[in-house]
Protein backbone atom coordinates (compact mmCIF):
# COMPACT_ATOMS: atom_id res chain seq x y z
CA MET A 1 -4.61 -22.57 13.46
CA ASN A 2 -3.46 -18.98 13.00
CA THR A 3 -6.42 -16.62 13.49
CA GLU A 4 -5.15 -14.28 10.79
CA HIS A 5 -5.23 -17.05 8.18
CA ARG A 6 -8.76 -18.04 9.22
CA SER A 7 -10.01 -14.49 8.81
CA GLY A 8 -8.68 -14.12 5.26
CA PHE A 9 -5.55 -12.09 5.91
CA ARG A 10 -3.41 -11.36 2.83
CA ARG A 11 -0.51 -9.17 1.83
CA LEU A 12 -0.75 -6.63 -1.00
CA HIS A 13 2.24 -5.04 -2.74
CA LEU A 14 1.58 -2.05 -5.01
CA VAL A 15 3.69 0.20 -7.19
CA ILE A 16 1.67 3.24 -8.26
CA ARG A 17 2.82 5.16 -11.33
CA GLY A 18 1.82 8.53 -12.71
CA ILE A 19 1.84 11.95 -11.05
CA VAL A 20 1.98 10.52 -7.55
CA GLN A 21 4.84 12.32 -5.79
CA GLY A 22 4.58 15.82 -4.37
CA VAL A 23 0.79 15.56 -4.25
CA GLY A 24 0.23 14.08 -0.77
CA PHE A 25 -0.12 10.51 -2.02
CA ARG A 26 1.79 8.88 0.86
CA PHE A 27 -0.28 10.73 3.47
CA PHE A 28 -3.46 9.78 1.57
CA VAL A 29 -2.46 6.09 1.61
CA GLU A 30 -1.42 6.19 5.26
CA ARG A 31 -4.73 7.78 6.31
CA HIS A 32 -6.85 5.22 4.42
CA ALA A 33 -4.73 2.25 5.53
CA ARG A 34 -4.97 3.24 9.19
CA ARG A 35 -8.72 3.81 8.90
CA LEU A 36 -9.03 0.30 7.43
CA GLY A 37 -6.93 -1.20 10.23
CA LEU A 38 -4.11 -2.35 7.94
CA ARG A 39 -0.45 -2.83 8.80
CA GLY A 40 2.42 -1.93 6.49
CA TRP A 41 4.09 1.04 4.88
CA VAL A 42 4.18 3.46 1.96
CA ARG A 43 7.20 5.21 0.43
CA ASN A 44 8.37 7.16 -2.61
CA LEU A 45 10.67 5.48 -5.13
CA ALA A 46 13.46 7.20 -7.05
CA ASP A 47 11.68 6.69 -10.40
CA GLY A 48 8.76 8.91 -9.30
CA SER A 49 6.41 6.10 -8.29
CA VAL A 50 4.95 5.25 -4.88
CA GLU A 51 5.29 1.79 -3.31
CA VAL A 52 2.85 0.28 -0.80
CA LEU A 53 3.11 -2.92 1.23
CA ALA A 54 0.02 -3.65 3.30
CA GLU A 55 -1.32 -6.62 5.21
CA GLY A 56 -4.73 -7.32 6.67
CA PRO A 57 -8.17 -8.67 5.77
CA GLU A 58 -8.57 -9.09 2.01
CA GLU A 59 -11.71 -6.95 1.93
CA ALA A 60 -9.85 -4.03 3.56
CA LEU A 61 -6.93 -4.48 1.16
CA ARG A 62 -9.30 -4.34 -1.81
CA LEU A 63 -10.72 -1.07 -0.48
CA LEU A 64 -7.19 0.33 -0.14
CA LEU A 65 -6.42 -0.77 -3.71
CA GLU A 66 -9.50 1.11 -4.94
CA GLN A 67 -8.36 4.24 -3.09
CA CYS A 68 -4.86 3.94 -4.57
CA GLN A 69 -6.30 3.61 -8.08
CA GLN A 70 -8.04 6.97 -7.54
CA GLY A 71 -5.45 8.78 -5.43
CA PRO A 72 -5.86 12.25 -3.94
CA ARG A 73 -7.37 14.97 -6.13
CA SER A 74 -4.02 16.44 -7.17
CA ALA A 75 -2.62 13.06 -8.28
CA HIS A 76 -2.97 11.41 -11.68
CA VAL A 77 -2.67 7.63 -11.39
CA GLU A 78 -1.65 6.03 -14.69
CA LYS A 79 -0.95 2.47 -13.55
CA VAL A 80 -1.08 0.36 -10.38
CA GLU A 81 1.11 -2.75 -10.41
CA THR A 82 -0.51 -5.24 -8.04
CA GLN A 83 0.90 -8.35 -6.37
CA TRP A 84 -1.16 -10.47 -3.93
CA LEU A 85 0.83 -12.56 -1.45
CA PRO A 86 0.25 -14.70 1.63
CA PRO A 87 0.63 -12.79 4.91
CA ALA A 88 4.05 -12.76 6.56
CA ASN A 89 2.81 -11.28 9.86
CA ASP A 90 5.94 -9.13 10.13
CA LEU A 91 4.40 -5.66 9.85
CA ASN A 92 3.37 -3.34 12.67
CA ASP A 93 0.95 -0.42 12.40
CA PHE A 94 1.08 1.57 9.13
CA GLN A 95 3.80 4.11 8.46
CA ILE A 96 5.48 6.31 5.89
CA LEU A 97 9.03 5.11 5.21
CA PRO A 98 11.95 7.09 3.79
CA SER A 99 12.30 7.04 0.01
CA ALA A 100 14.05 4.12 -1.70
CA ARG A 101 15.83 3.59 -5.00
CA GLU A 102 13.77 0.59 -6.11
CA PRO A 103 10.83 -1.55 -4.96
CA VAL A 104 11.31 -4.25 -2.36
CA ARG A 105 11.86 -7.74 -3.78
CA LEU A 106 9.18 -10.13 -2.53
């Protein structure tokens, strides 16, 4: 049995809308995700939102979600679109990716 499935690993996909670009949001997410031991990435989208794909223990993902709902002080989060998925075990570390036109299709 896969150890990561036994320990409650999940995947979380977020699209965060509001005043979330140009305010350090990606660095904020990266810092919290690394502190929580999550794998994945964060990036800006062309429509002004921020996209996050993270994988790890569900409890840590829920803590990251709470942080994203608040954002850094200079951000104003209006909406967080949330999608919970089974883990794919294809992510390494946590990084900031280059901007993209639209969210990844999962």
